[in-house]
PDB file of N, CA and C in Angstrom:
ATOM      1  N   MET A   1     104.502  50.036  86.668  1.00  0.00           N
ATOM      2  CA  MET A   1     105.618  50.207  86.969  1.00  0.00           C
ATOM      3  C   MET A   1     105.738  51.369  86.118  1.00  0.00           C
ATOM      4  N   HIS A   2     106.754  52.362  86.270  1.00  0.00           N
ATOM      5  CA  HIS A   2     106.943  53.918  85.889  1.00  0.00           C
ATOM      6  C   HIS A   2     108.515  53.609  85.481  1.00  0.00           C
ATOM      7  N   ILE A   3     108.795  53.711  84.297  1.00  0.00           N
ATOM      8  CA  ILE A   3     110.577  53.980  83.322  1.00  0.00           C
ATOM      9  C   ILE A   3     110.794  55.434  83.541  1.00  0.00           C
ATOM     10  N   ARG A   4     111.494  56.130  84.142  1.00  0.00           N
ATOM     11  CA  ARG A   4     111.798  57.525  83.333  1.00  0.00           C
ATOM     12  C   ARG A   4     112.921  57.515  83.407  1.00  0.00           C
ATOM     13  N   TRP A   5     113.461  57.797  82.298  1.00  0.00           N
ATOM     14  CA  TRP A   5     114.975  57.963  81.612  1.00  0.00           C
ATOM     15  C   TRP A   5     115.428  59.562  82.183  1.00  0.00           C
ATOM     16  N   TYR A   6     116.689  59.960  82.586  1.00  0.00           N
ATOM     17  CA  TYR A   6     117.006  61.067  83.450  1.00  0.00           C
ATOM     18  C   TYR A   6     118.363  61.750  81.874  1.00  0.00           C
ATOM     19  N   GLY A   7     119.048  60.680  81.012  1.00  0.00           N
ATOM     20  CA  GLY A   7     119.811  60.811  80.185  1.00  0.00           C
ATOM     21  C   GLY A   7     121.029  59.831  80.032  1.00  0.00           C
ATOM     22  N   GLN A   8     121.592  60.003  79.336  1.00  0.00           N
ATOM     23  CA  GLN A   8     122.750  58.833  79.383  1.00  0.00           C
ATOM     24  C   GLN A   8     122.264  57.310  79.727  1.00  0.00           C
ATOM     25  N   SER A   9     123.080  57.008  80.635  1.00  0.00           N
ATOM     26  CA  SER A   9     121.910  55.433  81.235  1.00  0.00           C
ATOM     27  C   SER A   9     121.365  54.941  82.323  1.00  0.00           C
ATOM     28  N   ALA A  10     120.867  56.404  82.634  1.00  0.00           N
ATOM     29  CA  ALA A  10     119.954  56.809  84.028  1.00  0.00           C
ATOM     30  C   ALA A  10     119.500  56.171  83.691  1.00  0.00           C
ATOM     31  N   PHE A  11     118.517  56.055  84.703  1.00  0.00           N
ATOM     32  CA  PHE A  11     117.257  55.598  84.392  1.00  0.00           C
ATOM     33  C   PHE A  11     116.365  55.078  86.301  1.00  0.00           C
ATOM     34  N   LEU A  12     115.157  55.819  86.553  1.00  0.00           N
ATOM     35  CA  LEU A  12     114.323  55.399  87.677  1.00  0.00           C
ATOM     36  C   LEU A  12     113.161  54.251  86.897  1.00  0.00           C
ATOM     37  N   ILE A  13     113.402  53.023  87.863  1.00  0.00           N
ATOM     38  CA  ILE A  13     112.426  52.001  87.346  1.00  0.00           C
ATOM     39  C   ILE A  13     111.382  52.134  89.083  1.00  0.00           C
ATOM     40  N   SER A  14     109.857  52.543  89.053  1.00  0.00           N
ATOM     41  CA  SER A  14     109.034  52.220  90.300  1.00  0.00           C
ATOM     42  C   SER A  14     107.991  51.916  89.968  1.00  0.00           C
ATOM     43  N   GLY A  15     108.189  51.528  91.295  1.00  0.00           N
ATOM     44  CA  GLY A  15     106.936  50.125  90.888  1.00  0.00           C
ATOM     45  C   GLY A  15     106.884  50.185  92.706  1.00  0.00           C
ATOM     46  N   GLU A  16     106.633  48.823  92.795  1.00  0.00           N
ATOM     47  CA  GLU A  16     106.468  48.481  94.324  1.00  0.00           C
ATOM     48  C   GLU A  16     107.475  49.090  95.168  1.00  0.00           C
ATOM     49  N   ARG A  17     108.935  49.306  94.393  1.00  0.00           N
ATOM     50  CA  ARG A  17     110.022  49.553  94.987  1.00  0.00           C
ATOM     51  C   ARG A  17     110.391  50.201  93.843  1.00  0.00           C
ATOM     52  N   ALA A  18     111.826  52.145  94.356  1.00  0.00           N
ATOM     53  CA  ALA A  18     112.111  52.499  93.101  1.00  0.00           C
ATOM     54  C   ALA A  18     113.735  52.002  92.605  1.00  0.00           C
ATOM     55  N   VAL A  19     114.184  51.546  91.739  1.00  0.00           N
ATOM     56  CA  VAL A  19     115.311  51.214  91.157  1.00  0.00           C
ATOM     57  C   VAL A  19     115.847  52.623  90.572  1.00  0.00           C
ATOM     58  N   PHE A  20     117.093  53.266  90.671  1.00  0.00           N
ATOM     59  CA  PHE A  20     117.588  53.932  90.047  1.00  0.00           C
ATOM     60  C   PHE A  20     119.254  53.316  89.339  1.00  0.00           C
ATOM     61  N   ILE A  21     119.267  53.248  88.071  1.00  0.00           N
ATOM     62  CA  ILE A  21     120.605  52.781  87.704  1.00  0.00           C
ATOM     63  C   ILE A  21     121.285  54.121  86.670  1.00  0.00           C
ATOM     64  N   ASP A  22     122.795  53.705  87.199  1.00  0.00           N
ATOM     65  CA  ASP A  22     123.590  54.451  86.307  1.00  0.00           C
ATOM     66  C   ASP A  22     123.463  56.127  86.893  1.00  0.00           C
ATOM     67  N   PRO A  23     122.940  56.390  88.162  1.00  0.00           N
ATOM     68  CA  PRO A  23     123.135  57.958  87.914  1.00  0.00           C
ATOM     69  C   PRO A  23     124.445  58.555  87.387  1.00  0.00           C
ATOM     70  N   PHE A  24     124.104  60.073  87.087  1.00  0.00           N
ATOM     71  CA  PHE A  24     125.304  61.057  86.155  1.00  0.00           C
ATOM     72  C   PHE A  24     125.262  62.395  87.726  1.00  0.00           C
ATOM     73  N   GLY A  25     126.361  62.908  87.437  1.00  0.00           N
ATOM     74  CA  GLY A  25     126.534  64.204  88.666  1.00  0.00           C
ATOM     75  C   GLY A  25     127.027  65.327  87.438  1.00  0.00           C
ATOM     76  N   ALA A  26     127.650  66.050  88.085  1.00  0.00           N
ATOM     77  CA  ALA A  26     127.813  67.300  87.419  1.00  0.00           C
ATOM     78  C   ALA A  26     129.387  67.141  86.055  1.00  0.00           C
ATOM     79  N   MET A  27     128.789  67.170  84.970  1.00  0.00           N
ATOM     80  CA  MET A  27     130.238  66.271  83.761  1.00  0.00           C
ATOM     81  C   MET A  27     130.528  67.709  83.513  1.00  0.00           C
ATOM     82  N   GLU A  28     131.543  68.965  83.969  1.00  0.00           N
ATOM     83  CA  GLU A  28     131.891  70.048  83.487  1.00  0.00           C
ATOM     84  C   GLU A  28     133.036  69.164  83.080  1.00  0.00           C
ATOM     85  N   GLY A  29     134.005  70.192  82.288  1.00  0.00           N
ATOM     86  CA  GLY A  29     134.989  69.544  81.759  1.00  0.00           C
ATOM     87  C   GLY A  29     134.924  68.729  80.442  1.00  0.00           C
ATOM     88  N   LEU A  30     134.101  68.677  79.848  1.00  0.00           N
ATOM     89  CA  LEU A  30     133.865  67.026  78.774  1.00  0.00           C
ATOM     90  C   LEU A  30     133.834  68.266  77.545  1.00  0.00           C
ATOM     91  N   ALA A  31     133.521  69.450  77.304  1.00  0.00           N
ATOM     92  CA  ALA A  31     133.435  70.045  76.416  1.00  0.00           C
ATOM     93  C   ALA A  31     134.870  70.589  75.518  1.00  0.00           C
ATOM     94  N   GLU A  32     136.236  70.149  76.619  1.00  0.00           N
ATOM     95  CA  GLU A  32     137.644  70.346  76.510  1.00  0.00           C
ATOM     96  C   GLU A  32     137.671  69.107  75.819  1.00  0.00           C
ATOM     97  N   ARG A  33     136.915  68.309  75.897  1.00  0.00           N
ATOM     98  CA  ARG A  33     137.400  66.606  75.642  1.00  0.00           C
ATOM     99  C   ARG A  33     136.278  66.379  74.471  1.00  0.00           C
ATOM    100  N   GLY A  34     135.808  67.276  73.742  1.00  0.00           N
ATOM    101  CA  GLY A  34     135.275  67.170  72.281  1.00  0.00           C
ATOM    102  C   GLY A  34     133.647  66.532  72.754  1.00  0.00           C
ATOM    103  N   MET A  35     133.605  66.304  73.916  1.00  0.00           N
ATOM    104  CA  MET A  35     132.302  65.565  73.954  1.00  0.00           C
ATOM    105  C   MET A  35     130.999  66.652  74.518  1.00  0.00           C
ATOM    106  N   GLN A  36     129.967  66.228  74.132  1.00  0.00           N
ATOM    107  CA  GLN A  36     128.922  67.273  74.762  1.00  0.00           C
ATOM    108  C   GLN A  36     127.830  66.510  75.744  1.00  0.00           C
ATOM    109  N   PHE A  37     127.701  67.264  77.085  1.00  0.00           N
ATOM    110  CA  PHE A  37     126.669  66.461  77.969  1.00  0.00           C
ATOM    111  C   PHE A  37     125.670  67.690  78.157  1.00  0.00           C
ATOM    112  N   ASP A  38     124.457  67.247  77.717  1.00  0.00           N
ATOM    113  CA  ASP A  38     123.176  68.364  78.116  1.00  0.00           C
ATOM    114  C   ASP A  38     121.954  67.979  78.893  1.00  0.00           C
ATOM    115  N   TYR A  39     122.373  66.795  79.916  1.00  0.00           N
ATOM    116  CA  TYR A  39     120.678  66.948  80.229  1.00  0.00           C
ATOM    117  C   TYR A  39     121.297  66.927  81.830  1.00  0.00           C
ATOM    118  N   PRO A  40     119.881  67.677  82.598  1.00  0.00           N
ATOM    119  CA  PRO A  40     119.875  68.161  83.652  1.00  0.00           C
ATOM    120  C   PRO A  40     120.192  67.336  84.811  1.00  0.00           C
ATOM    121  N   LEU A  41     120.963  68.420  85.816  1.00  0.00           N
ATOM    122  CA  LEU A  41     121.541  67.067  86.768  1.00  0.00           C
ATOM    123  C   LEU A  41     119.891  66.591  87.129  1.00  0.00           C
ATOM    124  N   ILE A  42     120.663  65.067  88.111  1.00  0.00           N
ATOM    125  CA  ILE A  42     119.482  64.367  88.985  1.00  0.00           C
ATOM    126  C   ILE A  42     119.620  64.829  90.017  1.00  0.00           C
ATOM    127  N   GLU A  43     117.787  65.514  90.546  1.00  0.00           N
ATOM    128  CA  GLU A  43     117.488  66.023  91.166  1.00  0.00           C
ATOM    129  C   GLU A  43     116.374  65.718  92.064  1.00  0.00           C
ATOM    130  N   ASP A  44     116.090  65.425  93.307  1.00  0.00           N
ATOM    131  CA  ASP A  44     114.789  65.306  94.020  1.00  0.00           C
ATOM    132  C   ASP A  44     114.581  63.501  93.810  1.00  0.00           C
ATOM    133  N   VAL A  45     115.385  62.916  93.702  1.00  0.00           N
ATOM    134  CA  VAL A  45     115.169  61.897  93.018  1.00  0.00           C
ATOM    135  C   VAL A  45     115.126  60.635  94.523  1.00  0.00           C
ATOM    136  N   GLN A  46     114.624  59.783  95.017  1.00  0.00           N
ATOM    137  CA  GLN A  46     114.701  58.779  95.899  1.00  0.00           C
ATOM    138  C   GLN A  46     114.560  57.472  95.529  1.00  0.00           C
ATOM    139  N   ALA A  47     115.557  56.174  95.518  1.00  0.00           N
ATOM    140  CA  ALA A  47     114.971  54.828  95.654  1.00  0.00           C
ATOM    141  C   ALA A  47     115.587  54.094  96.471  1.00  0.00           C
ATOM    142  N   ASP A  48     115.644  52.696  96.286  1.00  0.00           N
ATOM    143  CA  ASP A  48     115.465  51.256  97.547  1.00  0.00           C
ATOM    144  C   ASP A  48     116.668  50.850  96.695  1.00  0.00           C
ATOM    145  N   LEU A  49     116.632  51.118  95.596  1.00  0.00           N
ATOM    146  CA  LEU A  49     118.243  50.436  94.859  1.00  0.00           C
ATOM    147  C   LEU A  49     118.702  50.877  94.361  1.00  0.00           C
ATOM    148  N   LEU A  50     120.019  51.077  93.993  1.00  0.00           N
ATOM    149  CA  LEU A  50     121.006  51.615  93.293  1.00  0.00           C
ATOM    150  C   LEU A  50     122.128  50.990  92.765  1.00  0.00           C
ATOM    151  N   LEU A  51     122.030  50.891  90.935  1.00  0.00           N
ATOM    152  CA  LEU A  51     123.109  50.008  90.429  1.00  0.00           C
ATOM    153  C   LEU A  51     123.528  50.880  89.987  1.00  0.00           C
ATOM    154  N   VAL A  52     124.869  50.731  90.345  1.00  0.00           N
ATOM    155  CA  VAL A  52     126.186  51.165  88.891  1.00  0.00           C
ATOM    156  C   VAL A  52     126.500  50.274  88.070  1.00  0.00           C
ATOM    157  N   THR A  53     126.778  50.386  86.880  1.00  0.00           N
ATOM    158  CA  THR A  53     127.278  49.308  85.726  1.00  0.00           C
ATOM    159  C   THR A  53     128.756  49.161  85.729  1.00  0.00           C
ATOM    160  N   HIS A  54     129.064  50.600  86.006  1.00  0.00           N
ATOM    161  CA  HIS A  54     130.403  51.091  86.000  1.00  0.00           C
ATOM    162  C   HIS A  54     131.062  52.443  86.511  1.00  0.00           C
ATOM    163  N   GLU A  55     132.503  52.010  86.905  1.00  0.00           N
ATOM    164  CA  GLU A  55     132.794  52.944  87.677  1.00  0.00           C
ATOM    165  C   GLU A  55     133.616  54.129  86.767  1.00  0.00           C
ATOM    166  N   HIS A  56     132.964  55.265  85.562  1.00  0.00           N
ATOM    167  CA  HIS A  56     132.949  55.999  85.424  1.00  0.00           C
ATOM    168  C   HIS A  56     132.221  56.847  85.898  1.00  0.00           C
ATOM    169  N   ARG A  57     132.027  58.447  85.820  1.00  0.00           N
ATOM    170  CA  ARG A  57     131.967  59.533  86.411  1.00  0.00           C
ATOM    171  C   ARG A  57     130.284  60.034  85.784  1.00  0.00           C
ATOM    172  N   ASP A  58     129.966  59.097  84.426  1.00  0.00           N
ATOM    173  CA  ASP A  58     128.618  59.194  84.198  1.00  0.00           C
ATOM    174  C   ASP A  58     127.481  58.191  84.155  1.00  0.00           C
ATOM    175  N   HIS A  59     128.122  57.536  85.579  1.00  0.00           N
ATOM    176  CA  HIS A  59     127.410  56.197  85.604  1.00  0.00           C
ATOM    177  C   HIS A  59     127.479  56.242  87.047  1.00  0.00           C
ATOM    178  N   ASN A  60     128.308  57.065  87.750  1.00  0.00           N
ATOM    179  CA  ASN A  60     128.235  56.086  89.282  1.00  0.00           C
ATOM    180  C   ASN A  60     129.008  57.394  90.456  1.00  0.00           C
ATOM    181  N   ALA A  61     127.437  58.405  90.096  1.00  0.00           N
ATOM    182  CA  ALA A  61     127.157  59.534  90.535  1.00  0.00           C
ATOM    183  C   ALA A  61     125.984  58.691  91.991  1.00  0.00           C
ATOM    184  N   VAL A  62     126.424  58.368  92.925  1.00  0.00           N
ATOM    185  CA  VAL A  62     125.508  57.566  93.936  1.00  0.00           C
ATOM    186  C   VAL A  62     125.408  58.759  94.404  1.00  0.00           C
ATOM    187  N   GLU A  63     125.804  60.047  94.838  1.00  0.00           N
ATOM    188  CA  GLU A  63     125.551  60.639  95.944  1.00  0.00           C
ATOM    189  C   GLU A  63     124.378  61.704  95.419  1.00  0.00           C
ATOM    190  N   SER A  64     124.005  61.521  93.718  1.00  0.00           N
ATOM    191  CA  SER A  64     122.870  62.288  93.436  1.00  0.00           C
ATOM    192  C   SER A  64     121.601  61.727  93.785  1.00  0.00           C
ATOM    193  N   VAL A  65     121.246  60.127  93.922  1.00  0.00           N
ATOM    194  CA  VAL A  65     120.116  60.002  94.275  1.00  0.00           C
ATOM    195  C   VAL A  65     119.966  59.642  95.635  1.00  0.00           C
ATOM    196  N   GLY A  66     119.199  60.145  96.445  1.00  0.00           N
ATOM    197  CA  GLY A  66     118.616  60.460  97.518  1.00  0.00           C
ATOM    198  C   GLY A  66     117.929  59.540  98.332  1.00  0.00           C
ATOM    199  N   GLY A  67     117.122  59.180  99.641  1.00  0.00           N
ATOM    200  CA  GLY A  67     116.791  58.087 100.116  1.00  0.00           C
ATOM    201  C   GLY A  67     117.795  57.344 101.405  1.00  0.00           C
ATOM    202  N   SER A  68     118.265  56.601 101.460  1.00  0.00           N
ATOM    203  CA  SER A  68     119.192  55.524 101.765  1.00  0.00           C
ATOM    204  C   SER A  68     119.106  53.933 101.258  1.00  0.00           C
ATOM    205  N   PRO A  69     119.476  54.269  99.706  1.00  0.00           N
ATOM    206  CA  PRO A  69     119.504  53.284  98.949  1.00  0.00           C
ATOM    207  C   PRO A  69     120.191  52.056  99.087  1.00  0.00           C
ATOM    208  N   GLU A  70     119.519  51.113  99.065  1.00  0.00           N
ATOM    209  CA  GLU A  70     121.331  49.708  99.280  1.00  0.00           C
ATOM    210  C   GLU A  70     122.151  50.098  97.322  1.00  0.00           C
ATOM    211  N   VAL A  71     122.565  50.080  97.655  1.00  0.00           N
ATOM    212  CA  VAL A  71     123.474  50.650  96.421  1.00  0.00           C
ATOM    213  C   VAL A  71     124.877  48.612  95.675  1.00  0.00           C
ATOM    214  N   LEU A  72     124.431  48.351  94.584  1.00  0.00           N
ATOM    215  CA  LEU A  72     125.467  47.503  93.792  1.00  0.00           C
ATOM    216  C   LEU A  72     126.258  48.579  93.122  1.00  0.00           C
ATOM    217  N   ARG A  73     127.185  47.936  93.109  1.00  0.00           N
ATOM    218  CA  ARG A  73     128.679  48.894  92.409  1.00  0.00           C
ATOM    219  C   ARG A  73     129.157  47.745  91.717  1.00  0.00           C
ATOM    220  N   ALA A  74     129.170  47.848  89.908  1.00  0.00           N
ATOM    221  CA  ALA A  74     129.780  46.993  89.335  1.00  0.00           C
ATOM    222  C   ALA A  74     130.276  45.705  89.111  1.00  0.00           C
ATOM    223  N   ASN A  75     129.239  45.041  90.076  1.00  0.00           N
ATOM    224  CA  ASN A  75     129.838  43.427  90.399  1.00  0.00           C
ATOM    225  C   ASN A  75     129.534  42.660  89.857  1.00  0.00           C
ATOM    226  N   ALA A  76     129.640  41.283  89.279  1.00  0.00           N
ATOM    227  CA  ALA A  76     129.582  39.813  88.646  1.00  0.00           C
ATOM    228  C   ALA A  76     128.533  39.399  89.854  1.00  0.00           C
ATOM    229  N   GLY A  77     127.952  38.403  89.588  1.00  0.00           N
ATOM    230  CA  GLY A  77     126.986  37.261  91.073  1.00  0.00           C
ATOM    231  C   GLY A  77     125.520  37.831  90.694  1.00  0.00           C
ATOM    232  N   THR A  78     125.284  37.393  91.867  1.00  0.00           N
ATOM    233  CA  THR A  78     123.820  36.912  92.231  1.00  0.00           C
ATOM    234  C   THR A  78     123.404  37.864  93.672  1.00  0.00           C
ATOM    235  N   PHE A  79     122.774  39.165  93.604  1.00  0.00           N
ATOM    236  CA  PHE A  79     122.702  39.274  94.749  1.00  0.00           C
ATOM    237  C   PHE A  79     121.635  39.023  95.409  1.00  0.00           C
ATOM    238  N   ASN A  80     121.046  39.124  96.727  1.00  0.00           N
ATOM    239  CA  ASN A  80     119.909  39.702  97.684  1.00  0.00           C
ATOM    240  C   ASN A  80     119.570  40.642  97.432  1.00  0.00           C
ATOM    241  N   SER A  81     118.480  41.413  97.137  1.00  0.00           N
ATOM    242  CA  SER A  81     118.760  43.293  97.344  1.00  0.00           C
ATOM    243  C   SER A  81     117.172  43.483  98.313  1.00  0.00           C
ATOM    244  N   VAL A  82     116.716  44.770  98.285  1.00  0.00           N
ATOM    245  CA  VAL A  82     115.747  45.186  98.514  1.00  0.00           C
ATOM    246  C   VAL A  82     114.583  44.753  97.569  1.00  0.00           C
ATOM    247  N   VAL A  83     114.559  44.471  97.035  1.00  0.00           N
ATOM    248  CA  VAL A  83     113.803  44.167  95.233  1.00  0.00           C
ATOM    249  C   VAL A  83     113.948  42.669  95.269  1.00  0.00           C
ATOM    250  N   GLY A  84     114.719  42.327  95.851  1.00  0.00           N
ATOM    251  CA  GLY A  84     114.754  40.807  95.111  1.00  0.00           C
ATOM    252  C   GLY A  84     116.325  40.161  94.936  1.00  0.00           C
ATOM    253  N   THR A  85     116.459  39.220  94.006  1.00  0.00           N
ATOM    254  CA  THR A  85     117.044  38.684  93.513  1.00  0.00           C
ATOM    255  C   THR A  85     118.129  39.909  92.367  1.00  0.00           C
ATOM    256  N   VAL A  86     118.779  40.033  92.163  1.00  0.00           N
ATOM    257  CA  VAL A  86     119.767  40.763  91.477  1.00  0.00           C
ATOM    258  C   VAL A  86     120.912  39.806  91.092  1.00  0.00           C
ATOM    259  N   ILE A  87     121.174  39.840  89.286  1.00  0.00           N
ATOM    260  CA  ILE A  87     122.096  39.327  89.057  1.00  0.00           C
ATOM    261  C   ILE A  87     122.600  40.643  88.103  1.00  0.00           C
ATOM    262  N   GLY A  88     124.202  39.838  88.747  1.00  0.00           N
ATOM    263  CA  GLY A  88     124.935  41.047  87.527  1.00  0.00           C
ATOM    264  C   GLY A  88     126.102  40.263  86.810  1.00  0.00           C
ATOM    265  N   VAL A  89     125.985  40.286  85.355  1.00  0.00           N
ATOM    266  CA  VAL A  89     127.036  40.126  84.350  1.00  0.00           C
ATOM    267  C   VAL A  89     127.580  40.318  84.383  1.00  0.00           C
ATOM    268  N   ALA A  90     129.302  39.637  84.166  1.00  0.00           N
ATOM    269  CA  ALA A  90     130.195  41.122  83.688  1.00  0.00           C
ATOM    270  C   ALA A  90     130.433  40.883  82.374  1.00  0.00           C
ATOM    271  N   SER A  91     130.872  41.960  81.989  1.00  0.00           N
ATOM    272  CA  SER A  91     130.786  42.013  80.391  1.00  0.00           C
ATOM    273  C   SER A  91     131.717  43.412  80.149  1.00  0.00           C
ATOM    274  N   GLU A  92     131.988  43.648  78.880  1.00  0.00           N
ATOM    275  CA  GLU A  92     133.283  44.620  78.791  1.00  0.00           C
ATOM    276  C   GLU A  92     132.822  45.990  78.190  1.00  0.00           C
ATOM    277  N   HIS A  93     133.323  46.969  78.174  1.00  0.00           N
ATOM    278  CA  HIS A  93     133.033  48.380  78.098  1.00  0.00           C
ATOM    279  C   HIS A  93     133.071  48.744  76.993  1.00  0.00           C
ATOM    280  N   ASP A  94     134.296  47.887  76.067  1.00  0.00           N
ATOM    281  CA  ASP A  94     134.826  48.185  74.562  1.00  0.00           C
ATOM    282  C   ASP A  94     134.650  46.365  74.107  1.00  0.00           C
ATOM    283  N   ASN A  95     135.105  46.757  72.728  1.00  0.00           N
ATOM    284  CA  ASN A  95     135.296  45.326  71.701  1.00  0.00           C
ATOM    285  C   ASN A  95     136.717  44.938  71.815  1.00  0.00           C
ATOM    286  N   THR A  96     137.470  45.446  72.926  1.00  0.00           N
ATOM    287  CA  THR A  96     139.080  44.424  72.714  1.00  0.00           C
ATOM    288  C   THR A  96     139.203  44.172  74.587  1.00  0.00           C
ATOM    289  N   ALA A  97     138.468  43.555  75.172  1.00  0.00           N
ATOM    290  CA  ALA A  97     138.207  42.659  76.646  1.00  0.00           C
ATOM    291  C   ALA A  97     138.412  44.025  77.461  1.00  0.00           C
ATOM    292  N   GLY A  98     138.010  44.766  77.449  1.00  0.00           N
ATOM    293  CA  GLY A  98     138.144  45.882  78.557  1.00  0.00           C
ATOM    294  C   GLY A  98     139.034  46.124  78.627  1.00  0.00           C
ATOM    295  N   ILE A  99     140.049  47.121  77.631  1.00  0.00           N
ATOM    296  CA  ILE A  99     141.711  46.926  77.480  1.00  0.00           C
ATOM    297  C   ILE A  99     141.314  48.634  77.482  1.00  0.00           C
ATOM    298  N   GLU A 100     140.424  49.196  77.002  1.00  0.00           N
ATOM    299  CA  GLU A 100     140.014  50.257  76.028  1.00  0.00           C
ATOM    300  C   GLU A 100     139.460  51.247  77.199  1.00  0.00           C
ATOM    301  N   ARG A 101     138.111  50.556  77.648  1.00  0.00           N
ATOM    302  CA  ARG A 101     137.172  51.236  78.182  1.00  0.00           C
ATOM    303  C   ARG A 101     136.878  50.756  79.774  1.00  0.00           C
ATOM    304  N   GLY A 102     137.747  49.734  79.992  1.00  0.00           N
ATOM    305  CA  GLY A 102     137.293  48.762  81.174  1.00  0.00           C
ATOM    306  C   GLY A 102     136.077  47.504  81.237  1.00  0.00           C
ATOM    307  N   SER A 103     135.981  47.313  82.114  1.00  0.00           N
ATOM    308  CA  SER A 103     134.627  46.682  82.288  1.00  0.00           C
ATOM    309  C   SER A 103     133.212  47.253  82.769  1.00  0.00           C
ATOM    310  N   ASN A 104     132.156  46.300  82.503  1.00  0.00           N
ATOM    311  CA  ASN A 104     131.479  46.328  82.523  1.00  0.00           C
ATOM    312  C   ASN A 104     130.272  45.446  83.291  1.00  0.00           C
ATOM    313  N   THR A 105     129.014  45.620  83.828  1.00  0.00           N
ATOM    314  CA  THR A 105     128.455  44.678  84.517  1.00  0.00           C
ATOM    315  C   THR A 105     126.798  45.100  84.307  1.00  0.00           C
ATOM    316  N   ILE A 106     125.775  44.342  83.431  1.00  0.00           N
ATOM    317  CA  ILE A 106     124.734  43.640  83.106  1.00  0.00           C
ATOM    318  C   ILE A 106     124.077  43.963  84.227  1.00  0.00           C
ATOM    319  N   PHE A 107     122.844  44.380  85.085  1.00  0.00           N
ATOM    320  CA  PHE A 107     122.150  44.143  85.909  1.00  0.00           C
ATOM    321  C   PHE A 107     120.928  43.393  85.515  1.00  0.00           C
ATOM    322  N   SER A 108     120.415  42.682  85.988  1.00  0.00           N
ATOM    323  CA  SER A 108     118.518  41.942  85.803  1.00  0.00           C
ATOM    324  C   SER A 108     118.086  42.036  87.114  1.00  0.00           C
ATOM    325  N   PHE A 109     116.932  42.306  86.923  1.00  0.00           N
ATOM    326  CA  PHE A 109     116.081  41.981  88.396  1.00  0.00           C
ATOM    327  C   PHE A 109     114.751  42.252  87.680  1.00  0.00           C
ATOM    328  N   THR A 110     113.945  41.669  88.915  1.00  0.00           N
ATOM    329  CA  THR A 110     112.524  41.702  88.761  1.00  0.00           C
ATOM    330  C   THR A 110     111.469  42.502  89.513  1.00  0.00           C
ATOM    331  N   LEU A 111     110.979  43.152  88.605  1.00  0.00           N
ATOM    332  CA  LEU A 111     110.246  44.369  89.388  1.00  0.00           C
ATOM    333  C   LEU A 111     108.669  44.291  89.045  1.00  0.00           C
ATOM    334  N   ASN A 112     107.667  43.889  89.809  1.00  0.00           N
ATOM    335  CA  ASN A 112     106.617  44.276  89.624  1.00  0.00           C
ATOM    336  C   ASN A 112     105.922  43.155  88.729  1.00  0.00           C
ATOM    337  N   GLY A 113     106.600  41.751  88.962  1.00  0.00           N
ATOM    338  CA  GLY A 113     106.451  40.611  87.969  1.00  0.00           C
ATOM    339  C   GLY A 113     106.769  40.847  86.587  1.00  0.00           C
ATOM    340  N   LEU A 114     108.009  41.684  86.330  1.00  0.00           N
ATOM    341  CA  LEU A 114     108.783  42.139  84.868  1.00  0.00           C
ATOM    342  C   LEU A 114     109.958  41.588  84.469  1.00  0.00           C
ATOM    343  N   ARG A 115     110.595  41.103  84.254  1.00  0.00           N
ATOM    344  CA  ARG A 115     112.099  40.601  84.745  1.00  0.00           C
ATOM    345  C   ARG A 115     112.860  42.112  83.505  1.00  0.00           C
ATOM    346  N   LEU A 116     113.746  42.506  83.874  1.00  0.00           N
ATOM    347  CA  LEU A 116     114.050  43.728  83.648  1.00  0.00           C
ATOM    348  C   LEU A 116     115.548  43.092  83.206  1.00  0.00           C
ATOM    349  N   CYS A 117     116.173  44.167  82.747  1.00  0.00           N
ATOM    350  CA  CYS A 117     117.616  43.943  82.415  1.00  0.00           C
ATOM    351  C   CYS A 117     118.498  45.334  81.773  1.00  0.00           C
ATOM    352  N   HIS A 118     119.240  45.882  81.928  1.00  0.00           N
ATOM    353  CA  HIS A 118     119.705  47.018  81.594  1.00  0.00           C
ATOM    354  C   HIS A 118     121.284  46.729  81.740  1.00  0.00           C
ATOM    355  N   PHE A 119     121.784  47.592  80.324  1.00  0.00           N
ATOM    356  CA  PHE A 119     123.471  46.951  79.590  1.00  0.00           C
ATOM    357  C   PHE A 119     124.396  47.758  80.008  1.00  0.00           C
ATOM    358  N   GLY A 120     124.084  48.749  80.556  1.00  0.00           N
ATOM    359  CA  GLY A 120     125.361  49.914  81.117  1.00  0.00           C
ATOM    360  C   GLY A 120     125.732  50.990  79.912  1.00  0.00           C
ATOM    361  N   ASP A 121     126.989  50.405  79.896  1.00  0.00           N
ATOM    362  CA  ASP A 121     127.698  50.476  78.657  1.00  0.00           C
ATOM    363  C   ASP A 121     128.516  49.251  78.136  1.00  0.00           C
ATOM    364  N   PHE A 122     127.490  49.166  77.225  1.00  0.00           N
ATOM    365  CA  PHE A 122     127.774  47.390  76.892  1.00  0.00           C
ATOM    366  C   PHE A 122     128.889  47.743  75.198  1.00  0.00           C
ATOM    367  N   GLY A 123     129.886  47.216  75.358  1.00  0.00           N
ATOM    368  CA  GLY A 123     130.689  47.544  74.524  1.00  0.00           C
ATOM    369  C   GLY A 123     131.274  45.957  73.581  1.00  0.00           C
ATOM    370  N   GLN A 124     130.483  45.085  73.655  1.00  0.00           N
ATOM    371  CA  GLN A 124     131.295  43.935  73.517  1.00  0.00           C
ATOM    372  C   GLN A 124     130.706  43.253  72.133  1.00  0.00           C
ATOM    373  N   ALA A 125     131.190  43.102  71.249  1.00  0.00           N
ATOM    374  CA  ALA A 125     130.026  42.513  69.889  1.00  0.00           C
ATOM    375  C   ALA A 125     129.047  41.567  70.145  1.00  0.00           C
ATOM    376  N   ASP A 126     129.337  40.540  70.749  1.00  0.00           N
ATOM    377  CA  ASP A 126     128.332  39.618  70.852  1.00  0.00           C
ATOM    378  C   ASP A 126     127.949  39.565  72.712  1.00  0.00           C
ATOM    379  N   LEU A 127     127.458  38.380  73.603  1.00  0.00           N
ATOM    380  CA  LEU A 127     127.807  37.741  74.166  1.00  0.00           C
ATOM    381  C   LEU A 127     128.180  36.371  74.338  1.00  0.00           C
ATOM    382  N   PRO A 128     129.124  35.700  75.006  1.00  0.00           N
ATOM    383  CA  PRO A 128     129.043  34.491  74.540  1.00  0.00           C
ATOM    384  C   PRO A 128     127.994  33.575  75.007  1.00  0.00           C
ATOM    385  N   CYS A 129     128.416  32.237  74.955  1.00  0.00           N
ATOM    386  CA  CYS A 129     126.866  31.593  75.322  1.00  0.00           C
ATOM    387  C   CYS A 129     127.799  30.576  76.079  1.00  0.00           C
TER     388      CYS A 129
END
């Protein structure tokens, strides 16, 4: 298995299949808001499965990923996918029940016999049991 970090929350995890999580696109206009985003654009990447943890532009640029990936967008539940079962767990992007920044989805899946979990922009103080 190979894991490559592209910046922010974007990862390509490849093995038997390729899973891309939280791609970002062009992020111009952030400097005016006091934010710095210096990661190079995501280019020449293909995936079998594309996971989007929430619908903010620094996590949902599905057009940045090539191939014809199956896309799971910010939904809780259990899903059958090209890599097998994917579990999406509802969570919040902030510590105020999502009031400030909205919801987030934690994704868990197995690739090459390893169980992986990506928390996206998890902002809660903890996960209730």
